Structure formats: C-alpha cells, structure tokens
Amino acid sequence: MKLVVAYVDPQRFEPIREVLLGLGFPSLSAMSAAGTVPEATVTTTYRGATTEQHSRTKSRIECVVGDEHASTVVDTIIKEGGDRTFAFVLAVESAHPVDTIKT
C-alpha cells in the first residue's frame, strides 16, 4: 500500500476530488495547510515598520491506495492541481480500517 500526499491550491481540491471519485477513489482526507514561498505574498506597514508574509494557503490531500493505483492518483492530482502542486508517495507498512478490526 501507498500513502499519496499532495499540496494543492484550495480551489483545486473539489475538481481533484470529483475526478478521483469518478476513477473509483472515494476516500480522501483533506486538511488546511500553508506553504512558504521566497516572494512575499502580503506586505504591510504598521507604525513605520514593514512586515512581509511568505505563506500561501494550501489544501493537503491524503489517500491510501494499493501499490498499483498510486501513479493514477498522483497523475490525476498533478494534472488537475494546476501550478504549485506538489505530491509525494510513502510506503504504508499496514493499515487498520475500523470496520475490519475485531474487538
């Protein structure tokens, strides 16, 4: 199994989710995140002091899939994510869905 993690612009999450759902990947986790960039995204002045903000709002997408499906998920995210999309894949040693655990 693989864990696909991606950072995309928040407005690109819904189109990605819809395409992945159409491909048979109904389960995603999404979180709000921020990434830093070299150029200032916001510059303000307060009492003569200039401050710069270097963070950009992102959505973090996570999806656990079989080894054979990881490239499909990554390719879809890259294609639908637009500029400044970043994805990586990690090996999953084991996963324990709640509905399959016996108590």
PDB file of N, CA and C in Angstrom:
ATOM      1  N   MET A   1       0.835  -1.179   0.000  1.00  0.00           N
ATOM      2  CA  MET A   1       0.000   0.000   0.000  1.00  0.00           C
ATOM      3  C   MET A   1       0.880   1.243   0.000  1.00  0.00           C
ATOM      4  N   LYS A   2       0.295   2.322  -0.496  1.00  0.00           N
ATOM      5  CA  LYS A   2       0.998   3.596  -0.574  1.00  0.00           C
ATOM      6  C   LYS A   2       0.120   4.708  -0.019  1.00  0.00           C
ATOM      7  N   LEU A   3       0.767   5.698   0.574  1.00  0.00           N
ATOM      8  CA  LEU A   3       0.096   6.909   1.022  1.00  0.00           C
ATOM      9  C   LEU A   3       0.513   8.014   0.074  1.00  0.00           C
ATOM     10  N   VAL A   4      -0.457   8.564  -0.646  1.00  0.00           N
ATOM     11  CA  VAL A   4      -0.202   9.696  -1.539  1.00  0.00           C
ATOM     12  C   VAL A   4      -0.560  10.952  -0.769  1.00  0.00           C
ATOM     13  N   VAL A   5       0.385  11.884  -0.688  1.00  0.00           N
ATOM     14  CA  VAL A   5       0.175  13.166  -0.017  1.00  0.00           C
ATOM     15  C   VAL A   5       0.426  14.251  -1.049  1.00  0.00           C
ATOM     16  N   ALA A   6      -0.488  15.221  -1.109  1.00  0.00           N
ATOM     17  CA  ALA A   6      -0.329  16.301  -2.081  1.00  0.00           C
ATOM     18  C   ALA A   6      -0.740  17.622  -1.465  1.00  0.00           C
ATOM     19  N   TYR A   7      -0.106  18.681  -1.931  1.00  0.00           N
ATOM     20  CA  TYR A   7      -0.454  20.043  -1.544  1.00  0.00           C
ATOM     21  C   TYR A   7      -0.916  20.774  -2.796  1.00  0.00           C
ATOM     22  N   VAL A   8      -2.141  21.299  -2.748  1.00  0.00           N
ATOM     23  CA  VAL A   8      -2.723  21.982  -3.903  1.00  0.00           C
ATOM     24  C   VAL A   8      -3.390  23.274  -3.439  1.00  0.00           C
ATOM     25  N   ASP A   9      -3.655  24.162  -4.402  1.00  0.00           N
ATOM     26  CA  ASP A   9      -4.412  25.359  -4.078  1.00  0.00           C
ATOM     27  C   ASP A   9      -5.813  24.934  -3.637  1.00  0.00           C
ATOM     28  N   PRO A  10      -6.367  25.577  -2.605  1.00  0.00           N
ATOM     29  CA  PRO A  10      -7.660  25.151  -2.054  1.00  0.00           C
ATOM     30  C   PRO A  10      -8.784  25.073  -3.088  1.00  0.00           C
ATOM     31  N   GLN A  11      -8.817  25.977  -4.049  1.00  0.00           N
ATOM     32  CA  GLN A  11      -9.886  25.953  -5.039  1.00  0.00           C
ATOM     33  C   GLN A  11      -9.760  24.784  -6.014  1.00  0.00           C
ATOM     34  N   ARG A  12      -8.618  24.106  -6.035  1.00  0.00           N
ATOM     35  CA  ARG A  12      -8.419  22.951  -6.914  1.00  0.00           C
ATOM     36  C   ARG A  12      -8.802  21.635  -6.253  1.00  0.00           C
ATOM     37  N   PHE A  13      -9.104  21.657  -4.946  1.00  0.00           N
ATOM     38  CA  PHE A  13      -9.426  20.411  -4.251  1.00  0.00           C
ATOM     39  C   PHE A  13     -10.685  19.746  -4.808  1.00  0.00           C
ATOM     40  N   GLU A  14     -11.760  20.497  -4.964  1.00  0.00           N
ATOM     41  CA  GLU A  14     -13.029  19.908  -5.405  1.00  0.00           C
ATOM     42  C   GLU A  14     -12.929  19.271  -6.791  1.00  0.00           C
ATOM     43  N   PRO A  15     -12.324  19.934  -7.787  1.00  0.00           N
ATOM     44  CA  PRO A  15     -12.158  19.248  -9.081  1.00  0.00           C
ATOM     45  C   PRO A  15     -11.325  17.965  -8.979  1.00  0.00           C
ATOM     46  N   ILE A  16     -10.295  17.968  -8.147  1.00  0.00           N
ATOM     47  CA  ILE A  16      -9.485  16.759  -7.953  1.00  0.00           C
ATOM     48  C   ILE A  16     -10.328  15.668  -7.318  1.00  0.00           C
ATOM     49  N   ARG A  17     -11.087  16.022  -6.287  1.00  0.00           N
ATOM     50  CA  ARG A  17     -11.941  15.047  -5.605  1.00  0.00           C
ATOM     51  C   ARG A  17     -12.938  14.424  -6.576  1.00  0.00           C
ATOM     52  N   GLU A  18     -13.548  15.240  -7.424  1.00  0.00           N
ATOM     53  CA  GLU A  18     -14.539  14.736  -8.375  1.00  0.00           C
ATOM     54  C   GLU A  18     -13.924  13.764  -9.380  1.00  0.00           C
ATOM     55  N   VAL A  19     -12.751  14.082  -9.894  1.00  0.00           N
ATOM     56  CA  VAL A  19     -12.094  13.192 -10.855  1.00  0.00           C
ATOM     57  C   VAL A  19     -11.697  11.883 -10.177  1.00  0.00           C
ATOM     58  N   LEU A  20     -11.113  11.964  -8.977  1.00  0.00           N
ATOM     59  CA  LEU A  20     -10.725  10.745  -8.264  1.00  0.00           C
ATOM     60  C   LEU A  20     -11.945   9.898  -7.912  1.00  0.00           C
ATOM     61  N   LEU A  21     -13.041  10.528  -7.545  1.00  0.00           N
ATOM     62  CA  LEU A  21     -14.276   9.796  -7.258  1.00  0.00           C
ATOM     63  C   LEU A  21     -14.741   9.055  -8.510  1.00  0.00           C
ATOM     64  N   GLY A  22     -14.687   9.726  -9.657  1.00  0.00           N
ATOM     65  CA  GLY A  22     -15.055   9.096 -10.921  1.00  0.00           C
ATOM     66  C   GLY A  22     -14.153   7.932 -11.294  1.00  0.00           C
ATOM     67  N   LEU A  23     -12.911   7.970 -10.833  1.00  0.00           N
ATOM     68  CA  LEU A  23     -11.965   6.877 -11.104  1.00  0.00           C
ATOM     69  C   LEU A  23     -12.073   5.746 -10.078  1.00  0.00           C
ATOM     70  N   GLY A  24     -12.940   5.907  -9.079  1.00  0.00           N
ATOM     71  CA  GLY A  24     -13.127   4.851  -8.083  1.00  0.00           C
ATOM     72  C   GLY A  24     -12.353   5.034  -6.795  1.00  0.00           C
ATOM     73  N   PHE A  25     -11.922   6.249  -6.500  1.00  0.00           N
ATOM     74  CA  PHE A  25     -11.209   6.539  -5.254  1.00  0.00           C
ATOM     75  C   PHE A  25     -12.087   7.458  -4.392  1.00  0.00           C
ATOM     76  N   PRO A  26     -13.004   6.880  -3.603  1.00  0.00           N
ATOM     77  CA  PRO A  26     -13.958   7.701  -2.859  1.00  0.00           C
ATOM     78  C   PRO A  26     -13.423   8.274  -1.548  1.00  0.00           C
ATOM     79  N   SER A  27     -12.339   7.731  -1.030  1.00  0.00           N
ATOM     80  CA  SER A  27     -11.879   8.136   0.303  1.00  0.00           C
ATOM     81  C   SER A  27     -10.618   8.987   0.229  1.00  0.00           C
ATOM     82  N   LEU A  28     -10.758  10.237   0.616  1.00  0.00           N
ATOM     83  CA  LEU A  28      -9.637  11.164   0.699  1.00  0.00           C
ATOM     84  C   LEU A  28      -9.700  11.857   2.043  1.00  0.00           C
ATOM     85  N   SER A  29      -8.574  12.271   2.534  1.00  0.00           N
ATOM     86  CA  SER A  29      -8.524  13.172   3.685  1.00  0.00           C
ATOM     87  C   SER A  29      -8.044  14.509   3.170  1.00  0.00           C
ATOM     88  N   ALA A  30      -8.629  15.584   3.677  1.00  0.00           N
ATOM     89  CA  ALA A  30      -8.229  16.920   3.255  1.00  0.00           C
ATOM     90  C   ALA A  30      -8.066  17.792   4.492  1.00  0.00           C
ATOM     91  N   MET A  31      -7.008  18.566   4.500  1.00  0.00           N
ATOM     92  CA  MET A  31      -6.723  19.468   5.617  1.00  0.00           C
ATOM     93  C   MET A  31      -6.254  20.807   5.078  1.00  0.00           C
ATOM     94  N   SER A  32      -6.465  21.843   5.854  1.00  0.00           N
ATOM     95  CA  SER A  32      -5.927  23.157   5.501  1.00  0.00           C
ATOM     96  C   SER A  32      -4.461  23.189   5.900  1.00  0.00           C
ATOM     97  N   ALA A  33      -3.663  23.766   5.047  1.00  0.00           N
ATOM     98  CA  ALA A  33      -2.219  23.847   5.299  1.00  0.00           C
ATOM     99  C   ALA A  33      -1.706  25.170   4.748  1.00  0.00           C
ATOM    100  N   ALA A  34      -0.450  25.441   4.990  1.00  0.00           N
ATOM    101  CA  ALA A  34       0.197  26.622   4.416  1.00  0.00           C
ATOM    102  C   ALA A  34       1.606  26.244   4.012  1.00  0.00           C
ATOM    103  N   GLY A  35       2.038  26.798   2.907  1.00  0.00           N
ATOM    104  CA  GLY A  35       3.400  26.570   2.442  1.00  0.00           C
ATOM    105  C   GLY A  35       4.101  27.904   2.321  1.00  0.00           C
ATOM    106  N   THR A  36       5.393  27.884   2.508  1.00  0.00           N
ATOM    107  CA  THR A  36       6.138  29.133   2.390  1.00  0.00           C
ATOM    108  C   THR A  36       6.735  29.258   1.003  1.00  0.00           C
ATOM    109  N   VAL A  37       6.886  30.502   0.573  1.00  0.00           N
ATOM    110  CA  VAL A  37       7.456  30.805  -0.730  1.00  0.00           C
ATOM    111  C   VAL A  37       8.474  31.924  -0.559  1.00  0.00           C
ATOM    112  N   PRO A  38       9.478  32.009  -1.439  1.00  0.00           N
ATOM    113  CA  PRO A  38      10.508  33.049  -1.289  1.00  0.00           C
ATOM    114  C   PRO A  38       9.959  34.464  -1.423  1.00  0.00           C
ATOM    115  N   GLU A  39       9.034  34.669  -2.365  1.00  0.00           N
ATOM    116  CA  GLU A  39       8.491  36.008  -2.558  1.00  0.00           C
ATOM    117  C   GLU A  39       7.375  36.283  -1.544  1.00  0.00           C
ATOM    118  N   ALA A  40       7.254  37.533  -1.153  1.00  0.00           N
ATOM    119  CA  ALA A  40       6.230  37.913  -0.176  1.00  0.00           C
ATOM    120  C   ALA A  40       4.850  37.815  -0.816  1.00  0.00           C
ATOM    121  N   THR A  41       3.901  37.223  -0.080  1.00  0.00           N
ATOM    122  CA  THR A  41       2.528  37.144  -0.567  1.00  0.00           C
ATOM    123  C   THR A  41       1.707  38.336  -0.086  1.00  0.00           C
ATOM    124  N   VAL A  42       2.081  38.894   1.061  1.00  0.00           N
ATOM    125  CA  VAL A  42       1.422  40.079   1.618  1.00  0.00           C
ATOM    126  C   VAL A  42       2.498  40.959   2.243  1.00  0.00           C
ATOM    127  N   THR A  43       2.456  42.249   1.951  1.00  0.00           N
ATOM    128  CA  THR A  43       3.368  43.214   2.565  1.00  0.00           C
ATOM    129  C   THR A  43       2.520  44.293   3.228  1.00  0.00           C
ATOM    130  N   THR A  44       2.769  44.531   4.515  1.00  0.00           N
ATOM    131  CA  THR A  44       2.018  45.553   5.249  1.00  0.00           C
ATOM    132  C   THR A  44       2.988  46.477   5.968  1.00  0.00           C
ATOM    133  N   THR A  45       2.478  47.663   6.293  1.00  0.00           N
ATOM    134  CA  THR A  45       3.256  48.621   7.070  1.00  0.00           C
ATOM    135  C   THR A  45       2.430  49.022   8.276  1.00  0.00           C
ATOM    136  N   TYR A  46       3.057  48.961   9.446  1.00  0.00           N
ATOM    137  CA  TYR A  46       2.392  49.353  10.684  1.00  0.00           C
ATOM    138  C   TYR A  46       3.360  50.197  11.489  1.00  0.00           C
ATOM    139  N   ARG A  47       2.973  51.432  11.740  1.00  0.00           N
ATOM    140  CA  ARG A  47       3.797  52.371  12.514  1.00  0.00           C
ATOM    141  C   ARG A  47       5.227  52.472  11.970  1.00  0.00           C
ATOM    142  N   GLY A  48       5.306  52.508  10.667  1.00  0.00           N
ATOM    143  CA  GLY A  48       6.602  52.693  10.033  1.00  0.00           C
ATOM    144  C   GLY A  48       7.401  51.422   9.810  1.00  0.00           C
ATOM    145  N   ALA A  49       6.946  50.309  10.347  1.00  0.00           N
ATOM    146  CA  ALA A  49       7.659  49.042  10.166  1.00  0.00           C
ATOM    147  C   ALA A  49       6.960  48.218   9.077  1.00  0.00           C
ATOM    148  N   THR A  50       7.732  47.730   8.147  1.00  0.00           N
ATOM    149  CA  THR A  50       7.195  46.901   7.076  1.00  0.00           C
ATOM    150  C   THR A  50       7.349  45.438   7.442  1.00  0.00           C
ATOM    151  N   THR A  51       6.262  44.680   7.274  1.00  0.00           N
ATOM    152  CA  THR A  51       6.306  43.237   7.508  1.00  0.00           C
ATOM    153  C   THR A  51       5.867  42.519   6.244  1.00  0.00           C
ATOM    154  N   GLU A  52       6.432  41.374   6.045  1.00  0.00           N
ATOM    155  CA  GLU A  52       6.084  40.566   4.886  1.00  0.00           C
ATOM    156  C   GLU A  52       5.638  39.179   5.339  1.00  0.00           C
ATOM    157  N   GLN A  53       4.623  38.680   4.681  1.00  0.00           N
ATOM    158  CA  GLN A  53       4.156  37.320   4.934  1.00  0.00           C
ATOM    159  C   GLN A  53       4.583  36.466   3.749  1.00  0.00           C
ATOM    160  N   HIS A  54       5.160  35.311   4.032  1.00  0.00           N
ATOM    161  CA  HIS A  54       5.677  34.453   2.971  1.00  0.00           C
ATOM    162  C   HIS A  54       4.936  33.121   2.898  1.00  0.00           C
ATOM    163  N   SER A  55       3.727  33.060   3.423  1.00  0.00           N
ATOM    164  CA  SER A  55       2.990  31.796   3.377  1.00  0.00           C
ATOM    165  C   SER A  55       1.846  31.881   2.376  1.00  0.00           C
ATOM    166  N   ARG A  56       1.526  30.734   1.827  1.00  0.00           N
ATOM    167  CA  ARG A  56       0.464  30.613   0.840  1.00  0.00           C
ATOM    168  C   ARG A  56      -0.477  29.502   1.319  1.00  0.00           C
ATOM    169  N   THR A  57      -1.774  29.762   1.297  1.00  0.00           N
ATOM    170  CA  THR A  57      -2.768  28.783   1.733  1.00  0.00           C
ATOM    171  C   THR A  57      -2.769  27.595   0.778  1.00  0.00           C
ATOM    172  N   LYS A  58      -2.819  26.394   1.355  1.00  0.00           N
ATOM    173  CA  LYS A  58      -2.846  25.156   0.577  1.00  0.00           C
ATOM    174  C   LYS A  58      -3.874  24.194   1.171  1.00  0.00           C
ATOM    175  N   SER A  59      -4.258  23.213   0.394  1.00  0.00           N
ATOM    176  CA  SER A  59      -5.021  22.074   0.888  1.00  0.00           C
ATOM    177  C   SER A  59      -4.091  20.874   0.830  1.00  0.00           C
ATOM    178  N   ARG A  60      -4.078  20.102   1.904  1.00  0.00           N
ATOM    179  CA  ARG A  60      -3.281  18.871   1.931  1.00  0.00           C
ATOM    180  C   ARG A  60      -4.240  17.715   1.696  1.00  0.00           C
ATOM    181  N   ILE A  61      -3.941  16.919   0.705  1.00  0.00           N
ATOM    182  CA  ILE A  61      -4.763  15.758   0.355  1.00  0.00           C
ATOM    183  C   ILE A  61      -3.974  14.508   0.703  1.00  0.00           C
ATOM    184  N   GLU A  62      -4.649  13.557   1.345  1.00  0.00           N
ATOM    185  CA  GLU A  62      -4.028  12.269   1.654  1.00  0.00           C
ATOM    186  C   GLU A  62      -4.945  11.156   1.166  1.00  0.00           C
ATOM    187  N   CYS A  63      -4.344  10.116   0.615  1.00  0.00           N
ATOM    188  CA  CYS A  63      -5.119   8.989   0.106  1.00  0.00           C
ATOM    189  C   CYS A  63      -4.262   7.723   0.209  1.00  0.00           C
ATOM    190  N   VAL A  64      -4.779   6.701   0.866  1.00  0.00           N
ATOM    191  CA  VAL A  64      -4.081   5.419   0.949  1.00  0.00           C
ATOM    192  C   VAL A  64      -4.661   4.517  -0.138  1.00  0.00           C
ATOM    193  N   VAL A  65      -3.771   3.998  -1.001  1.00  0.00           N
ATOM    194  CA  VAL A  65      -4.204   3.166  -2.125  1.00  0.00           C
ATOM    195  C   VAL A  65      -3.257   1.983  -2.280  1.00  0.00           C
ATOM    196  N   GLY A  66      -3.660   1.022  -3.082  1.00  0.00           N
ATOM    197  CA  GLY A  66      -2.791  -0.101  -3.415  1.00  0.00           C
ATOM    198  C   GLY A  66      -1.621   0.377  -4.249  1.00  0.00           C
ATOM    199  N   ASP A  67      -0.535  -0.374  -4.221  1.00  0.00           N
ATOM    200  CA  ASP A  67       0.677  -0.011  -4.966  1.00  0.00           C
ATOM    201  C   ASP A  67       0.385   0.304  -6.432  1.00  0.00           C
ATOM    202  N   GLU A  68      -0.488  -0.485  -7.041  1.00  0.00           N
ATOM    203  CA  GLU A  68      -0.762  -0.338  -8.470  1.00  0.00           C
ATOM    204  C   GLU A  68      -1.573   0.913  -8.809  1.00  0.00           C
ATOM    205  N   HIS A  69      -2.174   1.565  -7.797  1.00  0.00           N
ATOM    206  CA  HIS A  69      -3.013   2.745  -8.040  1.00  0.00           C
ATOM    207  C   HIS A  69      -2.335   4.070  -7.684  1.00  0.00           C
ATOM    208  N   ALA A  70      -1.184   4.021  -7.061  1.00  0.00           N
ATOM    209  CA  ALA A  70      -0.525   5.252  -6.608  1.00  0.00           C
ATOM    210  C   ALA A  70      -0.218   6.194  -7.767  1.00  0.00           C
ATOM    211  N   SER A  71       0.276   5.663  -8.873  1.00  0.00           N
ATOM    212  CA  SER A  71       0.616   6.537 -10.001  1.00  0.00           C
ATOM    213  C   SER A  71      -0.627   7.175 -10.609  1.00  0.00           C
ATOM    214  N   THR A  72      -1.758   6.475 -10.616  1.00  0.00           N
ATOM    215  CA  THR A  72      -3.012   7.040 -11.126  1.00  0.00           C
ATOM    216  C   THR A  72      -3.445   8.230 -10.281  1.00  0.00           C
ATOM    217  N   VAL A  73      -3.361   8.084  -8.967  1.00  0.00           N
ATOM    218  CA  VAL A  73      -3.754   9.168  -8.060  1.00  0.00           C
ATOM    219  C   VAL A  73      -2.805  10.352  -8.216  1.00  0.00           C
ATOM    220  N   VAL A  74      -1.508  10.104  -8.243  1.00  0.00           N
ATOM    221  CA  VAL A  74      -0.525  11.185  -8.399  1.00  0.00           C
ATOM    222  C   VAL A  74      -0.720  11.896  -9.732  1.00  0.00           C
ATOM    223  N   ASP A  75      -0.861  11.151 -10.813  1.00  0.00           N
ATOM    224  CA  ASP A  75      -1.045  11.755 -12.139  1.00  0.00           C
ATOM    225  C   ASP A  75      -2.298  12.621 -12.187  1.00  0.00           C
ATOM    226  N   THR A  76      -3.369  12.160 -11.565  1.00  0.00           N
ATOM    227  CA  THR A  76      -4.620  12.925 -11.526  1.00  0.00           C
ATOM    228  C   THR A  76      -4.442  14.216 -10.747  1.00  0.00           C
ATOM    229  N   ILE A  77      -3.790  14.139  -9.598  1.00  0.00           N
ATOM    230  CA  ILE A  77      -3.571  15.334  -8.777  1.00  0.00           C
ATOM    231  C   ILE A  77      -2.700  16.343  -9.513  1.00  0.00           C
ATOM    232  N   ILE A  78      -1.633  15.881 -10.145  1.00  0.00           N
ATOM    233  CA  ILE A  78      -0.739  16.784 -10.885  1.00  0.00           C
ATOM    234  C   ILE A  78      -1.489  17.424 -12.055  1.00  0.00           C
ATOM    235  N   LYS A  79      -2.265  16.624 -12.781  1.00  0.00           N
ATOM    236  CA  LYS A  79      -2.995  17.131 -13.948  1.00  0.00           C
ATOM    237  C   LYS A  79      -4.050  18.156 -13.547  1.00  0.00           C
ATOM    238  N   GLU A  80      -4.822  17.868 -12.495  1.00  0.00           N
ATOM    239  CA  GLU A  80      -5.927  18.728 -12.085  1.00  0.00           C
ATOM    240  C   GLU A  80      -5.502  19.833 -11.119  1.00  0.00           C
ATOM    241  N   GLY A  81      -4.320  19.703 -10.521  1.00  0.00           N
ATOM    242  CA  GLY A  81      -3.900  20.622  -9.474  1.00  0.00           C
ATOM    243  C   GLY A  81      -3.412  21.980  -9.929  1.00  0.00           C
ATOM    244  N   GLY A  82      -3.002  22.090 -11.166  1.00  0.00           N
ATOM    245  CA  GLY A  82      -2.518  23.375 -11.647  1.00  0.00           C
ATOM    246  C   GLY A  82      -1.128  23.705 -11.124  1.00  0.00           C
ATOM    247  N   ASP A  83      -0.802  25.000 -11.151  1.00  0.00           N
ATOM    248  CA  ASP A  83       0.514  25.456 -10.701  1.00  0.00           C
ATOM    249  C   ASP A  83       0.691  25.226  -9.205  1.00  0.00           C
ATOM    250  N   ARG A  84       1.931  25.111  -8.793  1.00  0.00           N
ATOM    251  CA  ARG A  84       2.316  24.967  -7.393  1.00  0.00           C
ATOM    252  C   ARG A  84       1.672  23.749  -6.714  1.00  0.00           C
ATOM    253  N   THR A  85       1.528  22.683  -7.474  1.00  0.00           N
ATOM    254  CA  THR A  85       1.045  21.425  -6.916  1.00  0.00           C
ATOM    255  C   THR A  85       2.249  20.555  -6.607  1.00  0.00           C
ATOM    256  N   PHE A  86       2.222  19.917  -5.450  1.00  0.00           N
ATOM    257  CA  PHE A  86       3.338  19.081  -5.010  1.00  0.00           C
ATOM    258  C   PHE A  86       2.755  17.789  -4.469  1.00  0.00           C
ATOM    259  N   ALA A  87       3.256  16.650  -4.920  1.00  0.00           N
ATOM    260  CA  ALA A  87       2.770  15.357  -4.445  1.00  0.00           C
ATOM    261  C   ALA A  87       3.939  14.436  -4.170  1.00  0.00           C
ATOM    262  N   PHE A  88       3.762  13.581  -3.169  1.00  0.00           N
ATOM    263  CA  PHE A  88       4.766  12.553  -2.906  1.00  0.00           C
ATOM    264  C   PHE A  88       4.079  11.300  -2.403  1.00  0.00           C
ATOM    265  N   VAL A  89       4.796  10.186  -2.460  1.00  0.00           N
ATOM    266  CA  VAL A  89       4.236   8.878  -2.132  1.00  0.00           C
ATOM    267  C   VAL A  89       5.105   8.226  -1.066  1.00  0.00           C
ATOM    268  N   LEU A  90       4.449   7.677  -0.059  1.00  0.00           N
ATOM    269  CA  LEU A  90       5.136   6.973   1.022  1.00  0.00           C
ATOM    270  C   LEU A  90       4.628   5.536   1.113  1.00  0.00           C
ATOM    271  N   ALA A  91       5.492   4.635   1.501  1.00  0.00           N
ATOM    272  CA  ALA A  91       5.078   3.250   1.722  1.00  0.00           C
ATOM    273  C   ALA A  91       4.272   3.161   3.018  1.00  0.00           C
ATOM    274  N   VAL A  92       3.228   2.354   3.007  1.00  0.00           N
ATOM    275  CA  VAL A  92       2.407   2.121   4.199  1.00  0.00           C
ATOM    276  C   VAL A  92       2.676   0.695   4.656  1.00  0.00           C
ATOM    277  N   GLU A  93       3.183   0.572   5.863  1.00  0.00           N
ATOM    278  CA  GLU A  93       3.508  -0.755   6.385  1.00  0.00           C
ATOM    279  C   GLU A  93       2.246  -1.567   6.647  1.00  0.00           C
ATOM    280  N   SER A  94       1.252  -0.944   7.244  1.00  0.00           N
ATOM    281  CA  SER A  94      -0.026  -1.610   7.478  1.00  0.00           C
ATOM    282  C   SER A  94      -1.095  -0.557   7.706  1.00  0.00           C
ATOM    283  N   ALA A  95      -2.336  -0.931   7.482  1.00  0.00           N
ATOM    284  CA  ALA A  95      -3.479  -0.037   7.713  1.00  0.00           C
ATOM    285  C   ALA A  95      -4.551  -0.841   8.413  1.00  0.00           C
ATOM    286  N   HIS A  96      -5.269  -0.209   9.288  1.00  0.00           N
ATOM    287  CA  HIS A  96      -6.264  -0.916  10.095  1.00  0.00           C
ATOM    288  C   HIS A  96      -7.589  -0.184  10.066  1.00  0.00           C
ATOM    289  N   PRO A  97      -8.388  -0.376   9.025  1.00  0.00           N
ATOM    290  CA  PRO A  97      -9.703   0.259   8.989  1.00  0.00           C
ATOM    291  C   PRO A  97     -10.552  -0.194  10.162  1.00  0.00           C
ATOM    292  N   VAL A  98     -11.278   0.709  10.766  1.00  0.00           N
ATOM    293  CA  VAL A  98     -12.066   0.408  11.962  1.00  0.00           C
ATOM    294  C   VAL A  98     -13.089  -0.697  11.692  1.00  0.00           C
ATOM    295  N   ASP A  99     -13.703  -0.719  10.512  1.00  0.00           N
ATOM    296  CA  ASP A  99     -14.742  -1.703  10.258  1.00  0.00           C
ATOM    297  C   ASP A  99     -14.213  -3.122  10.079  1.00  0.00           C
ATOM    298  N   THR A 100     -12.892  -3.313  10.020  1.00  0.00           N
ATOM    299  CA  THR A 100     -12.346  -4.671   9.874  1.00  0.00           C
ATOM    300  C   THR A 100     -11.604  -5.136  11.121  1.00  0.00           C
ATOM    301  N   ILE A 101     -11.529  -4.291  12.146  1.00  0.00           N
ATOM    302  CA  ILE A 101     -10.837  -4.675  13.372  1.00  0.00           C
ATOM    303  C   ILE A 101     -11.802  -5.396  14.302  1.00  0.00           C
ATOM    304  N   LYS A 102     -11.399  -6.544  14.775  1.00  0.00           N
ATOM    305  CA  LYS A 102     -12.241  -7.289  15.698  1.00  0.00           C
ATOM    306  C   LYS A 102     -11.881  -6.918  17.127  1.00  0.00           C
ATOM    307  N   THR A 103     -12.883  -6.661  17.931  1.00  0.00           N
ATOM    308  CA  THR A 103     -12.631  -6.281  19.328  1.00  0.00           C
ATOM    309  C   THR A 103     -12.862  -7.448  20.258  1.00  0.00           C
TER     310      THR A 103
END
